[in-house]
Structure formats: structure tokens, C-alpha cells
Amino acid sequence: MQAELTTLHHVGVCTHDLERTRRFYTEVLGLEDGHRGRLRRPGAWLYLNGVPIVHVITGRERPAGMTGFFDHFCLRARGFEAWKDKLDRLGVRYEEDGQEGGIRQLFFHDPNEVLIELNFGPEPA
């Protein structure tokens, strides 16, 4: 077997305000709060379609520069105008952008200043 990647497993988000962060990811992105198991620190696992994709971590200090040049994470989405309406309704500030081939994008921050990108458009080949 050769070494290969198969998919993104999850992203970890550090926070000092677990409930505010959980509320953002469940209310804004529509993720579901799910089973977390027994871990050393408090936090949450947030699920998309039954799959844990965001691990919210609290109870520890975050050293400056911990993630180096990490910039954002991206989720593929549908319903560009509906997403804009939802973000407007919830008071989430966002920026629009796009790429060649008909891809449209929305960028916004979570309560911890983590940048989130939503991509709309043609599925990758």
C-alpha cells in the first residue's frame, strides 16, 4: 500500500468561551453537537451529516504562533444566496469572492477569529 491521504478528518478550534463557540457553529453553520467521548479537557465535537469535523478545545492557554501559517478552513456548500441571507440575519459579517470556473465564496470569522470559507459551485473533478 502506498502512502496517501483520503479526506480531511477535522479541524481543531481553541476557545476561552465554549458556549459562544458551540452556539456559533451550531446556529450559523448548522453543525450538530455530538458525542465527544472522555477527553482530558472540556470542549465539544461538532458534526456534519453524522461526521465529526470541528473539535472545539478549551481549558488550556493557546501560545502565540501555535499553528504557524494556518490561515483558514473551507467547507463546500450549496445555496449561495440563502447563506448570505442567513449570515445577514444572524449579524455575521462576511466577504464575497470567486474563482475561475464559476466558484463563488463567502469568508467570515468565528468568535475566536478563525477564518471560515464556504465554497459554492462546480464539484471538483
C-alpha atoms as a PDB file:
ATOM      1  CA  MET A   1       0.000   0.000   0.000  1.00  0.00           C
ATOM      2  CA  GLN A   2       1.311   3.460  -0.844  1.00  0.00           C
ATOM      3  CA  ALA A   3       1.129   6.465   1.447  1.00  0.00           C
ATOM      4  CA  GLU A   4      -1.890   8.595   0.572  1.00  0.00           C
ATOM      5  CA  LEU A   5      -4.423  10.988   2.056  1.00  0.00           C
ATOM      6  CA  THR A   6      -8.113  10.204   1.787  1.00  0.00           C
ATOM      7  CA  THR A   7     -10.010  13.202   3.240  1.00  0.00           C
ATOM      8  CA  LEU A   8      -9.861  15.997   5.797  1.00  0.00           C
ATOM      9  CA  HIS A   9     -10.678  14.438   9.183  1.00  0.00           C
ATOM     10  CA  HIS A  10     -11.372  17.516  11.328  1.00  0.00           C
ATOM     11  CA  VAL A  11     -10.139  20.930  12.385  1.00  0.00           C
ATOM     12  CA  GLY A  12      -9.399  21.953  15.961  1.00  0.00           C
ATOM     13  CA  VAL A  13     -10.509  25.343  17.263  1.00  0.00           C
ATOM     14  CA  CYS A  14      -9.249  26.708  20.596  1.00  0.00           C
ATOM     15  CA  THR A  15     -11.570  28.925  22.621  1.00  0.00           C
ATOM     16  CA  HIS A  16     -11.975  30.566  26.003  1.00  0.00           C
ATOM     17  CA  ASP A  17     -15.778  30.678  25.535  1.00  0.00           C
ATOM     18  CA  LEU A  18     -17.062  27.184  24.811  1.00  0.00           C
ATOM     19  CA  GLU A  19     -20.763  28.035  24.769  1.00  0.00           C
ATOM     20  CA  ARG A  20     -20.370  31.023  22.440  1.00  0.00           C
ATOM     21  CA  THR A  21     -18.242  28.962  20.059  1.00  0.00           C
ATOM     22  CA  ARG A  22     -20.616  25.985  20.182  1.00  0.00           C
ATOM     23  CA  ARG A  23     -23.579  28.300  19.520  1.00  0.00           C
ATOM     24  CA  PHE A  24     -21.806  29.880  16.526  1.00  0.00           C
ATOM     25  CA  TYR A  25     -21.028  26.552  14.855  1.00  0.00           C
ATOM     26  CA  THR A  26     -24.485  25.101  15.513  1.00  0.00           C
ATOM     27  CA  GLU A  27     -26.575  28.198  14.734  1.00  0.00           C
ATOM     28  CA  VAL A  28     -24.527  29.732  11.921  1.00  0.00           C
ATOM     29  CA  LEU A  29     -23.095  26.667  10.185  1.00  0.00           C
ATOM     30  CA  GLY A  30     -25.799  24.223  11.238  1.00  0.00           C
ATOM     31  CA  LEU A  31     -23.379  21.683  12.702  1.00  0.00           C
ATOM     32  CA  GLU A  32     -24.703  19.311  15.349  1.00  0.00           C
ATOM     33  CA  ASP A  33     -23.279  18.978  18.840  1.00  0.00           C
ATOM     34  CA  GLY A  34     -22.339  15.330  19.174  1.00  0.00           C
ATOM     35  CA  HIS A  35     -20.656  12.581  21.160  1.00  0.00           C
ATOM     36  CA  ARG A  36     -17.243  13.568  22.417  1.00  0.00           C
ATOM     37  CA  GLY A  37     -16.017  10.695  24.498  1.00  0.00           C
ATOM     38  CA  ARG A  38     -13.844  11.076  27.560  1.00  0.00           C
ATOM     39  CA  LEU A  39     -11.095  13.600  26.914  1.00  0.00           C
ATOM     40  CA  ARG A  40      -8.797  15.350  29.374  1.00  0.00           C
ATOM     41  CA  ARG A  41     -10.051  18.873  28.699  1.00  0.00           C
ATOM     42  CA  PRO A  42     -13.555  20.274  28.284  1.00  0.00           C
ATOM     43  CA  GLY A  43     -14.746  21.033  24.782  1.00  0.00           C
ATOM     44  CA  ALA A  44     -17.104  19.817  22.072  1.00  0.00           C
ATOM     45  CA  TRP A  45     -17.253  17.766  18.885  1.00  0.00           C
ATOM     46  CA  LEU A  46     -19.421  19.289  16.190  1.00  0.00           C
ATOM     47  CA  TYR A  47     -20.763  17.055  13.429  1.00  0.00           C
ATOM     48  CA  LEU A  48     -21.770  17.479   9.776  1.00  0.00           C
ATOM     49  CA  ASN A  49     -24.010  14.709   8.425  1.00  0.00           C
ATOM     50  CA  GLY A  50     -23.025  12.397  11.275  1.00  0.00           C
ATOM     51  CA  VAL A  51     -19.276  13.008  10.866  1.00  0.00           C
ATOM     52  CA  PRO A  52     -17.266  14.960  13.488  1.00  0.00           C
ATOM     53  CA  ILE A  53     -15.473  17.795  11.663  1.00  0.00           C
ATOM     54  CA  VAL A  54     -14.833  20.563  14.247  1.00  0.00           C
ATOM     55  CA  HIS A  55     -13.146  19.778  17.560  1.00  0.00           C
ATOM     56  CA  VAL A  56     -13.632  22.718  19.941  1.00  0.00           C
ATOM     57  CA  ILE A  57     -10.902  22.769  22.592  1.00  0.00           C
ATOM     58  CA  THR A  58     -10.977  24.773  25.814  1.00  0.00           C
ATOM     59  CA  GLY A  59      -9.282  24.643  29.182  1.00  0.00           C
ATOM     60  CA  ARG A  60      -5.771  25.421  28.008  1.00  0.00           C
ATOM     61  CA  GLU A  61      -3.838  28.515  27.096  1.00  0.00           C
ATOM     62  CA  ARG A  62      -3.054  28.966  23.454  1.00  0.00           C
ATOM     63  CA  PRO A  63       0.554  30.004  22.910  1.00  0.00           C
ATOM     64  CA  ALA A  64       1.121  32.686  20.273  1.00  0.00           C
ATOM     65  CA  GLY A  65       2.028  31.219  16.903  1.00  0.00           C
ATOM     66  CA  MET A  66       0.828  27.741  17.810  1.00  0.00           C
ATOM     67  CA  THR A  67      -0.488  26.995  14.316  1.00  0.00           C
ATOM     68  CA  GLY A  68       2.130  28.898  12.373  1.00  0.00           C
ATOM     69  CA  PHE A  69       0.869  29.980   8.980  1.00  0.00           C
ATOM     70  CA  PHE A  70      -2.511  28.231   9.141  1.00  0.00           C
ATOM     71  CA  ASP A  71      -4.981  30.621   7.528  1.00  0.00           C
ATOM     72  CA  HIS A  72      -8.491  29.121   7.286  1.00  0.00           C
ATOM     73  CA  PHE A  73     -10.609  26.067   6.692  1.00  0.00           C
ATOM     74  CA  CYS A  74     -13.128  25.619   3.908  1.00  0.00           C
ATOM     75  CA  LEU A  75     -16.430  23.794   3.590  1.00  0.00           C
ATOM     76  CA  ARG A  76     -18.206  23.047   0.316  1.00  0.00           C
ATOM     77  CA  ALA A  77     -21.744  24.452   0.432  1.00  0.00           C
ATOM     78  CA  ARG A  78     -24.943  24.932  -1.579  1.00  0.00           C
ATOM     79  CA  GLY A  79     -27.402  27.840  -1.632  1.00  0.00           C
ATOM     80  CA  PHE A  80     -25.179  30.913  -2.004  1.00  0.00           C
ATOM     81  CA  GLU A  81     -27.981  33.481  -1.650  1.00  0.00           C
ATOM     82  CA  ALA A  82     -29.605  31.563   1.207  1.00  0.00           C
ATOM     83  CA  TRP A  83     -26.263  31.544   3.055  1.00  0.00           C
ATOM     84  CA  LYS A  84     -25.889  35.297   2.558  1.00  0.00           C
ATOM     85  CA  ASP A  85     -29.419  35.826   3.909  1.00  0.00           C
ATOM     86  CA  LYS A  86     -28.677  33.615   6.914  1.00  0.00           C
ATOM     87  CA  LEU A  87     -25.402  35.374   7.722  1.00  0.00           C
ATOM     88  CA  ASP A  88     -27.111  38.780   7.367  1.00  0.00           C
ATOM     89  CA  ARG A  89     -29.975  37.676   9.634  1.00  0.00           C
ATOM     90  CA  LEU A  90     -27.517  36.442  12.295  1.00  0.00           C
ATOM     91  CA  GLY A  91     -25.339  39.559  12.066  1.00  0.00           C
ATOM     92  CA  VAL A  92     -22.267  37.698  10.802  1.00  0.00           C
ATOM     93  CA  ARG A  93     -20.053  39.953   8.690  1.00  0.00           C
ATOM     94  CA  TYR A  94     -18.698  38.291   5.560  1.00  0.00           C
ATOM     95  CA  GLU A  95     -16.855  38.964   2.330  1.00  0.00           C
ATOM     96  CA  GLU A  96     -17.690  37.560  -1.093  1.00  0.00           C
ATOM     97  CA  ASP A  97     -15.166  36.375  -3.644  1.00  0.00           C
ATOM     98  CA  GLY A  98     -14.968  33.978  -6.541  1.00  0.00           C
ATOM     99  CA  GLN A  99     -12.650  31.878  -8.653  1.00  0.00           C
ATOM    100  CA  GLU A 100     -12.469  30.848 -12.287  1.00  0.00           C
ATOM    101  CA  GLY A 101     -14.902  28.181 -13.349  1.00  0.00           C
ATOM    102  CA  GLY A 102     -17.928  29.605 -11.567  1.00  0.00           C
ATOM    103  CA  ILE A 103     -16.852  29.075  -7.957  1.00  0.00           C
ATOM    104  CA  ARG A 104     -18.355  31.591  -5.513  1.00  0.00           C
ATOM    105  CA  GLN A 105     -17.021  32.057  -1.991  1.00  0.00           C
ATOM    106  CA  LEU A 106     -18.051  33.536   1.345  1.00  0.00           C
ATOM    107  CA  PHE A 107     -15.478  34.277   4.056  1.00  0.00           C
ATOM    108  CA  PHE A 108     -16.250  35.047   7.718  1.00  0.00           C
ATOM    109  CA  HIS A 109     -14.768  34.603  11.197  1.00  0.00           C
ATOM    110  CA  ASP A 110     -15.941  32.542  14.137  1.00  0.00           C
ATOM    111  CA  PRO A 111     -15.952  34.120  17.655  1.00  0.00           C
ATOM    112  CA  ASN A 112     -12.272  33.099  18.060  1.00  0.00           C
ATOM    113  CA  GLU A 113     -11.202  34.848  14.815  1.00  0.00           C
ATOM    114  CA  VAL A 114     -10.835  31.533  12.937  1.00  0.00           C
ATOM    115  CA  LEU A 115     -11.439  32.269   9.248  1.00  0.00           C
ATOM    116  CA  ILE A 116     -14.066  30.069   7.595  1.00  0.00           C
ATOM    117  CA  GLU A 117     -14.549  29.810   3.837  1.00  0.00           C
ATOM    118  CA  LEU A 118     -17.654  28.445   2.147  1.00  0.00           C
ATOM    119  CA  ASN A 119     -17.211  27.365  -1.494  1.00  0.00           C
ATOM    120  CA  PHE A 120     -20.165  27.165  -3.882  1.00  0.00           C
ATOM    121  CA  GLY A 121     -20.022  25.947  -7.418  1.00  0.00           C
ATOM    122  CA  PRO A 122     -18.754  23.162  -9.600  1.00  0.00           C
ATOM    123  CA  GLU A 123     -17.723  19.980  -7.828  1.00  0.00           C
ATOM    124  CA  PRO A 124     -14.027  19.132  -8.198  1.00  0.00           C
ATOM    125  CA  ALA A 125     -13.118  16.633 -10.892  1.00  0.00           C
END
